[in-house]
Structure formats: structure tokens, C-alpha cells
Amino acid sequence: MAKANPRKRAAATKDKWKMKEWFVVYAPDFFGNKEIGLTPADDPEKVIGRVIETTLKDLTGDFTKGQVKLYFQVYDVKGQNAYTKFKGHTLARSYIRSLVRRRTTRIDGIFNITTKDGYKLRVMGMVIAYRRIQTSQERAIREIMRDIIYKKAEELNYKDFILEAVTGKMATEIAKEARRIYPIKRAEIRKIKVLAEPEA
């Protein structure tokens, strides 16, 4: 089988890049419609569906939030502008490892919730307790986590729920209540995934 000339291949690749345009990607309105990146494409339709990763630090300028990773998915393109919706968030693994040391207890909770305005989310909470604790204490702390997350879902619309979760406000409330059971090192909402949006 004849092989293509390397120079021709390189030229073809170069031509493809010449045909591409750069699209400016924006965060949703509840994250300030801020620019979160650039993405190339030779057709606006190819931009739709792409997922852009950024951090809460990059969006807010708060250097204490570099461990909070945010994912946004492009759903619409107008001109050279690409608009996104929130897809999910997670905490950096290195950050989680830094919290979970020897002689601590990690208490996880996974909850499928529905916000006040009908968005279905999977929310993963985490509490780190100093030293090893009893199973009954773990159970009580997990119950606190569950109660607060479900209560927030009942009270808040989707946008406000996401903001309270990713900024740490929700975790602060969990930690405050959990300390009534046992000394807590840290509480976090470590991951959120959007499962379904309400039907139009």
C-alpha cells in the first residue's frame, strides 16, 4: 500500500487548522457569564456538546478555591460565542488525599436529590473526623449530611443549590452540625453530577 508523502500530510493538517475558527466559551449566568476558554472548530455545530474544565479559583479569583474543578458543557453557539450549562464539579484528588491522613475517619455520603425547580442531581458529600470514630458516630454524621443536603434541595432552586455546594457554604453547615457529634477536621461537597433537567 502506497504511503502518503509526509510533506503532503503536514500540508493537509495545516490547511485543516487554517479552516478552523476560535470560539469564546462563557460560563452560565449564575457564574457571572465569565469567559472560561477558547475552543477551535471548522463548524459551529461541532462546538456544541464540548465540555470545558475550569476551577472556581479561575472564575472568582479566590486562590483558596483552586481545588474545586468545574465542568461546563456547550449547548448553544451564536457567532463566535459559545454558551454553556453546568455539567458537574469535583474536588481535586490531591486535595482529598491531603485531608485523609492516618488516624482520621472519612465519612462519605451519596445522595440523589431533586431541587425545588426540578433538576435531578447526584451529590457526594464527605466529612473527615479527627481520629477513628465509632460506627454509631459515623452513622449519625452521615445522617446530618443527608438531612442538610435534602433540606437544601427542597428549599433552593438549582442555581442557588449549585452555588452553595461549590463555594463551600453547604459544607460549612454540615461541619457545624457534625461537630455536635465529634470533632470534625473538614466537611466537603466533593462531587456533583447533573442527572436530568426538568422537561420543558
C-alpha atoms as a PDB file:
ATOM      1  CA  MET A   1       0.000   0.000   0.000  1.00  0.00           C
ATOM      2  CA  ALA A   2       1.397   3.376  -1.020  1.00  0.00           C
ATOM      3  CA  LYS A   3       2.123   5.775   1.812  1.00  0.00           C
ATOM      4  CA  ALA A   4       1.188   9.442   1.658  1.00  0.00           C
ATOM      5  CA  ASN A   5       4.028  11.889   1.321  1.00  0.00           C
ATOM      6  CA  PRO A   6       4.844  13.272   4.819  1.00  0.00           C
ATOM      7  CA  ARG A   7       5.014  16.808   3.402  1.00  0.00           C
ATOM      8  CA  LYS A   8       1.550  16.448   1.861  1.00  0.00           C
ATOM      9  CA  ARG A   9       0.175  15.101   5.138  1.00  0.00           C
ATOM     10  CA  ALA A  10       1.651  18.039   7.025  1.00  0.00           C
ATOM     11  CA  ALA A  11       0.226  20.483   4.477  1.00  0.00           C
ATOM     12  CA  ALA A  12      -3.229  18.901   4.731  1.00  0.00           C
ATOM     13  CA  THR A  13      -3.109  19.139   8.523  1.00  0.00           C
ATOM     14  CA  LYS A  14      -2.041  22.772   8.274  1.00  0.00           C
ATOM     15  CA  ASP A  15      -4.914  23.515   5.869  1.00  0.00           C
ATOM     16  CA  LYS A  16      -7.424  21.959   8.286  1.00  0.00           C
ATOM     17  CA  TRP A  17      -6.195  24.239  11.055  1.00  0.00           C
ATOM     18  CA  LYS A  18      -6.431  27.247   8.735  1.00  0.00           C
ATOM     19  CA  MET A  19     -10.113  26.425   8.196  1.00  0.00           C
ATOM     20  CA  LYS A  20     -10.831  26.397  11.923  1.00  0.00           C
ATOM     21  CA  GLU A  21     -12.104  29.351  13.897  1.00  0.00           C
ATOM     22  CA  TRP A  22     -11.767  30.071  17.583  1.00  0.00           C
ATOM     23  CA  PHE A  23     -14.909  30.282  19.690  1.00  0.00           C
ATOM     24  CA  VAL A  24     -15.024  32.086  23.035  1.00  0.00           C
ATOM     25  CA  VAL A  25     -16.650  29.920  25.731  1.00  0.00           C
ATOM     26  CA  TYR A  26     -18.683  31.511  28.527  1.00  0.00           C
ATOM     27  CA  ALA A  27     -19.841  30.205  31.917  1.00  0.00           C
ATOM     28  CA  PRO A  28     -23.584  30.273  32.752  1.00  0.00           C
ATOM     29  CA  ASP A  29     -25.200  33.405  34.162  1.00  0.00           C
ATOM     30  CA  PHE A  30     -25.046  32.203  37.777  1.00  0.00           C
ATOM     31  CA  PHE A  31     -21.262  32.010  37.405  1.00  0.00           C
ATOM     32  CA  GLY A  32     -21.182  35.556  36.042  1.00  0.00           C
ATOM     33  CA  ASN A  33     -21.148  34.752  32.286  1.00  0.00           C
ATOM     34  CA  LYS A  34     -17.358  34.869  32.559  1.00  0.00           C
ATOM     35  CA  GLU A  35     -15.083  33.755  29.743  1.00  0.00           C
ATOM     36  CA  ILE A  36     -13.721  30.306  30.588  1.00  0.00           C
ATOM     37  CA  GLY A  37     -11.761  29.380  27.495  1.00  0.00           C
ATOM     38  CA  LEU A  38     -11.355  29.158  23.749  1.00  0.00           C
ATOM     39  CA  THR A  39     -12.129  26.182  21.544  1.00  0.00           C
ATOM     40  CA  PRO A  40     -11.372  25.685  17.812  1.00  0.00           C
ATOM     41  CA  ALA A  41     -13.747  24.256  15.201  1.00  0.00           C
ATOM     42  CA  ASP A  42     -14.414  24.431  11.464  1.00  0.00           C
ATOM     43  CA  ASP A  43     -18.172  24.316  12.103  1.00  0.00           C
ATOM     44  CA  PRO A  44     -20.138  25.895  14.988  1.00  0.00           C
ATOM     45  CA  GLU A  45     -22.205  22.710  15.312  1.00  0.00           C
ATOM     46  CA  LYS A  46     -19.046  20.825  16.298  1.00  0.00           C
ATOM     47  CA  VAL A  47     -18.632  23.075  19.332  1.00  0.00           C
ATOM     48  CA  ILE A  48     -21.996  22.058  20.803  1.00  0.00           C
ATOM     49  CA  GLY A  49     -21.588  19.289  23.375  1.00  0.00           C
ATOM     50  CA  ARG A  50     -17.968  20.047  24.202  1.00  0.00           C
ATOM     51  CA  VAL A  51     -17.081  20.077  27.893  1.00  0.00           C
ATOM     52  CA  ILE A  52     -14.797  22.769  29.285  1.00  0.00           C
ATOM     53  CA  GLU A  53     -12.992  22.318  32.595  1.00  0.00           C
ATOM     54  CA  THR A  54     -12.028  25.240  34.787  1.00  0.00           C
ATOM     55  CA  THR A  55     -11.620  25.935  38.507  1.00  0.00           C
ATOM     56  CA  LEU A  56     -13.558  28.072  40.936  1.00  0.00           C
ATOM     57  CA  LYS A  57     -10.316  29.980  41.512  1.00  0.00           C
ATOM     58  CA  ASP A  58     -10.176  30.961  37.840  1.00  0.00           C
ATOM     59  CA  LEU A  59     -13.801  32.120  37.916  1.00  0.00           C
ATOM     60  CA  THR A  60     -13.710  34.047  41.178  1.00  0.00           C
ATOM     61  CA  GLY A  61     -10.062  34.949  41.718  1.00  0.00           C
ATOM     62  CA  ASP A  62     -10.193  33.240  45.127  1.00  0.00           C
ATOM     63  CA  PHE A  63      -6.855  31.426  45.437  1.00  0.00           C
ATOM     64  CA  THR A  64      -8.244  29.122  48.139  1.00  0.00           C
ATOM     65  CA  LYS A  65     -10.594  27.510  45.580  1.00  0.00           C
ATOM     66  CA  GLY A  66      -8.071  26.039  43.153  1.00  0.00           C
ATOM     67  CA  GLN A  67      -9.047  22.502  44.183  1.00  0.00           C
ATOM     68  CA  VAL A  68     -12.677  22.960  43.036  1.00  0.00           C
ATOM     69  CA  LYS A  69     -12.952  21.738  39.442  1.00  0.00           C
ATOM     70  CA  LEU A  70     -15.992  22.827  37.446  1.00  0.00           C
ATOM     71  CA  TYR A  71     -17.274  21.307  34.209  1.00  0.00           C
ATOM     72  CA  PHE A  72     -19.408  23.221  31.723  1.00  0.00           C
ATOM     73  CA  GLN A  73     -20.972  21.846  28.527  1.00  0.00           C
ATOM     74  CA  VAL A  74     -21.610  23.958  25.428  1.00  0.00           C
ATOM     75  CA  TYR A  75     -25.287  23.959  24.442  1.00  0.00           C
ATOM     76  CA  ASP A  76     -25.523  26.964  22.085  1.00  0.00           C
ATOM     77  CA  VAL A  77     -23.311  28.961  19.727  1.00  0.00           C
ATOM     78  CA  LYS A  78     -24.040  32.460  18.472  1.00  0.00           C
ATOM     79  CA  GLY A  79     -21.448  33.972  16.193  1.00  0.00           C
ATOM     80  CA  GLN A  80     -18.072  33.319  17.812  1.00  0.00           C
ATOM     81  CA  ASN A  81     -19.557  32.925  21.283  1.00  0.00           C
ATOM     82  CA  ALA A  82     -20.271  29.520  22.864  1.00  0.00           C
ATOM     83  CA  TYR A  83     -22.636  29.320  25.831  1.00  0.00           C
ATOM     84  CA  THR A  84     -22.548  26.603  28.453  1.00  0.00           C
ATOM     85  CA  LYS A  85     -24.549  24.940  31.188  1.00  0.00           C
ATOM     86  CA  PHE A  86     -23.197  23.462  34.401  1.00  0.00           C
ATOM     87  CA  LYS A  87     -22.437  19.763  33.987  1.00  0.00           C
ATOM     88  CA  GLY A  88     -20.812  18.918  37.317  1.00  0.00           C
ATOM     89  CA  HIS A  89     -17.995  19.539  39.715  1.00  0.00           C
ATOM     90  CA  THR A  90     -15.405  17.593  41.657  1.00  0.00           C
ATOM     91  CA  LEU A  91     -12.594  18.208  44.112  1.00  0.00           C
ATOM     92  CA  ALA A  92      -9.017  17.542  43.035  1.00  0.00           C
ATOM     93  CA  ARG A  93      -7.818  14.106  44.152  1.00  0.00           C
ATOM     94  CA  SER A  94      -4.622  15.585  45.570  1.00  0.00           C
ATOM     95  CA  TYR A  95      -6.705  17.845  47.805  1.00  0.00           C
ATOM     96  CA  ILE A  96      -8.802  14.930  49.080  1.00  0.00           C
ATOM     97  CA  ARG A  97      -5.631  12.925  49.780  1.00  0.00           C
ATOM     98  CA  SER A  98      -4.247  15.843  51.783  1.00  0.00           C
ATOM     99  CA  LEU A  99      -7.304  15.720  54.055  1.00  0.00           C
ATOM    100  CA  VAL A 100      -7.385  11.972  54.633  1.00  0.00           C
ATOM    101  CA  ARG A 101      -4.423  11.277  56.908  1.00  0.00           C
ATOM    102  CA  ARG A 102      -3.636   8.450  59.297  1.00  0.00           C
ATOM    103  CA  ARG A 103      -5.828   8.295  62.378  1.00  0.00           C
ATOM    104  CA  THR A 104      -8.690  10.114  60.678  1.00  0.00           C
ATOM    105  CA  THR A 105     -12.086   8.795  59.630  1.00  0.00           C
ATOM    106  CA  ARG A 106     -13.568   9.577  56.236  1.00  0.00           C
ATOM    107  CA  ILE A 107     -17.366   9.506  56.126  1.00  0.00           C
ATOM    108  CA  ASP A 108     -18.901   9.519  52.639  1.00  0.00           C
ATOM    109  CA  GLY A 109     -22.478  10.002  51.550  1.00  0.00           C
ATOM    110  CA  ILE A 110     -24.038   9.747  48.081  1.00  0.00           C
ATOM    111  CA  PHE A 111     -27.473  11.300  47.622  1.00  0.00           C
ATOM    112  CA  ASN A 112     -29.775  11.591  44.618  1.00  0.00           C
ATOM    113  CA  ILE A 113     -31.786  14.756  45.093  1.00  0.00           C
ATOM    114  CA  THR A 114     -34.279  16.910  43.194  1.00  0.00           C
ATOM    115  CA  THR A 115     -34.028  20.685  43.540  1.00  0.00           C
ATOM    116  CA  LYS A 116     -37.003  22.944  44.137  1.00  0.00           C
ATOM    117  CA  ASP A 117     -37.248  23.640  40.385  1.00  0.00           C
ATOM    118  CA  GLY A 118     -36.970  20.013  39.283  1.00  0.00           C
ATOM    119  CA  TYR A 119     -33.292  19.359  38.499  1.00  0.00           C
ATOM    120  CA  LYS A 120     -32.095  15.885  39.449  1.00  0.00           C
ATOM    121  CA  LEU A 121     -28.573  15.767  40.869  1.00  0.00           C
ATOM    122  CA  ARG A 122     -26.236  13.221  42.398  1.00  0.00           C
ATOM    123  CA  VAL A 123     -24.471  14.870  45.326  1.00  0.00           C
ATOM    124  CA  MET A 124     -21.479  13.298  47.061  1.00  0.00           C
ATOM    125  CA  GLY A 125     -20.592  14.643  50.478  1.00  0.00           C
ATOM    126  CA  MET A 126     -17.578  13.895  52.635  1.00  0.00           C
ATOM    127  CA  VAL A 127     -16.709  14.547  56.271  1.00  0.00           C
ATOM    128  CA  ILE A 128     -13.250  13.998  57.762  1.00  0.00           C
ATOM    129  CA  ALA A 129     -13.209  13.371  61.513  1.00  0.00           C
ATOM    130  CA  TYR A 130     -10.148  13.514  63.734  1.00  0.00           C
ATOM    131  CA  ARG A 131      -9.073  10.033  64.868  1.00  0.00           C
ATOM    132  CA  ARG A 132     -11.002   6.799  64.440  1.00  0.00           C
ATOM    133  CA  ILE A 133     -14.630   7.064  65.476  1.00  0.00           C
ATOM    134  CA  GLN A 134     -17.378   4.625  66.347  1.00  0.00           C
ATOM    135  CA  THR A 135     -19.767   3.225  63.751  1.00  0.00           C
ATOM    136  CA  SER A 136     -22.708   4.858  65.520  1.00  0.00           C
ATOM    137  CA  GLN A 137     -20.974   8.246  65.283  1.00  0.00           C
ATOM    138  CA  GLU A 138     -20.283   7.706  61.578  1.00  0.00           C
ATOM    139  CA  ARG A 139     -23.937   6.879  61.054  1.00  0.00           C
ATOM    140  CA  ALA A 140     -25.062   9.994  62.928  1.00  0.00           C
ATOM    141  CA  ILE A 141     -22.735  12.260  60.929  1.00  0.00           C
ATOM    142  CA  ARG A 142     -23.875  10.725  57.632  1.00  0.00           C
ATOM    143  CA  GLU A 143     -27.469  11.340  58.706  1.00  0.00           C
ATOM    144  CA  ILE A 144     -26.651  15.017  59.344  1.00  0.00           C
ATOM    145  CA  MET A 145     -25.074  15.263  55.908  1.00  0.00           C
ATOM    146  CA  ARG A 146     -28.130  13.676  54.284  1.00  0.00           C
ATOM    147  CA  ASP A 147     -30.618  15.864  56.173  1.00  0.00           C
ATOM    148  CA  ILE A 148     -28.872  19.125  55.281  1.00  0.00           C
ATOM    149  CA  ILE A 149     -28.422  18.226  51.597  1.00  0.00           C
ATOM    150  CA  TYR A 150     -32.055  17.127  51.206  1.00  0.00           C
ATOM    151  CA  LYS A 151     -33.318  20.193  53.078  1.00  0.00           C
ATOM    152  CA  LYS A 152     -31.288  22.470  50.810  1.00  0.00           C
ATOM    153  CA  ALA A 153     -32.710  20.702  47.742  1.00  0.00           C
ATOM    154  CA  GLU A 154     -36.253  21.314  48.971  1.00  0.00           C
ATOM    155  CA  GLU A 155     -35.588  24.987  49.709  1.00  0.00           C
ATOM    156  CA  LEU A 156     -33.329  26.089  46.860  1.00  0.00           C
ATOM    157  CA  ASN A 157     -33.604  26.282  43.114  1.00  0.00           C
ATOM    158  CA  TYR A 158     -30.950  24.598  41.002  1.00  0.00           C
ATOM    159  CA  LYS A 159     -28.658  27.599  40.572  1.00  0.00           C
ATOM    160  CA  ASP A 160     -28.604  28.514  44.256  1.00  0.00           C
ATOM    161  CA  PHE A 161     -28.085  24.888  45.280  1.00  0.00           C
ATOM    162  CA  ILE A 162     -25.055  24.592  42.980  1.00  0.00           C
ATOM    163  CA  LEU A 163     -23.540  27.834  44.245  1.00  0.00           C
ATOM    164  CA  GLU A 164     -23.962  26.874  47.910  1.00  0.00           C
ATOM    165  CA  ALA A 165     -22.405  23.481  47.174  1.00  0.00           C
ATOM    166  CA  VAL A 166     -19.345  24.530  45.168  1.00  0.00           C
ATOM    167  CA  THR A 167     -18.477  27.612  47.254  1.00  0.00           C
ATOM    168  CA  GLY A 168     -18.387  25.616  50.492  1.00  0.00           C
ATOM    169  CA  LYS A 169     -21.371  27.216  52.216  1.00  0.00           C
ATOM    170  CA  MET A 170     -23.295  23.945  52.376  1.00  0.00           C
ATOM    171  CA  ALA A 171     -20.273  22.049  53.689  1.00  0.00           C
ATOM    172  CA  THR A 172     -19.761  24.662  56.414  1.00  0.00           C
ATOM    173  CA  GLU A 173     -23.284  23.995  57.685  1.00  0.00           C
ATOM    174  CA  ILE A 174     -22.658  20.247  57.636  1.00  0.00           C
ATOM    175  CA  ALA A 175     -19.416  20.655  59.603  1.00  0.00           C
ATOM    176  CA  LYS A 176     -21.099  22.875  62.196  1.00  0.00           C
ATOM    177  CA  GLU A 177     -23.800  20.291  62.905  1.00  0.00           C
ATOM    178  CA  ALA A 178     -21.429  17.305  62.714  1.00  0.00           C
ATOM    179  CA  ARG A 179     -19.192  18.824  65.408  1.00  0.00           C
ATOM    180  CA  ARG A 180     -22.029  18.211  67.841  1.00  0.00           C
ATOM    181  CA  ILE A 181     -21.284  14.504  67.360  1.00  0.00           C
ATOM    182  CA  TYR A 182     -17.479  14.513  67.140  1.00  0.00           C
ATOM    183  CA  PRO A 183     -14.567  16.939  66.384  1.00  0.00           C
ATOM    184  CA  ILE A 184     -14.505  17.447  62.615  1.00  0.00           C
ATOM    185  CA  LYS A 185     -11.449  18.317  60.549  1.00  0.00           C
ATOM    186  CA  ARG A 186     -13.314  19.173  57.353  1.00  0.00           C
ATOM    187  CA  ALA A 187     -16.592  18.733  55.505  1.00  0.00           C
ATOM    188  CA  GLU A 188     -16.875  18.996  51.728  1.00  0.00           C
ATOM    189  CA  ILE A 189     -19.322  18.520  48.888  1.00  0.00           C
ATOM    190  CA  ARG A 190     -16.768  16.600  46.874  1.00  0.00           C
ATOM    191  CA  LYS A 191     -18.731  15.934  43.697  1.00  0.00           C
ATOM    192  CA  ILE A 192     -21.951  16.870  41.909  1.00  0.00           C
ATOM    193  CA  LYS A 193     -23.318  15.359  38.724  1.00  0.00           C
ATOM    194  CA  VAL A 194     -26.370  16.655  36.862  1.00  0.00           C
ATOM    195  CA  LEU A 195     -28.556  13.612  36.178  1.00  0.00           C
ATOM    196  CA  ALA A 196     -31.543  15.248  34.487  1.00  0.00           C
ATOM    197  CA  GLU A 197     -33.047  18.636  33.754  1.00  0.00           C
ATOM    198  CA  PRO A 198     -36.762  19.355  34.135  1.00  0.00           C
ATOM    199  CA  GLU A 199     -38.795  18.796  30.993  1.00  0.00           C
ATOM    200  CA  ALA A 200     -39.541  21.984  29.091  1.00  0.00           C
END
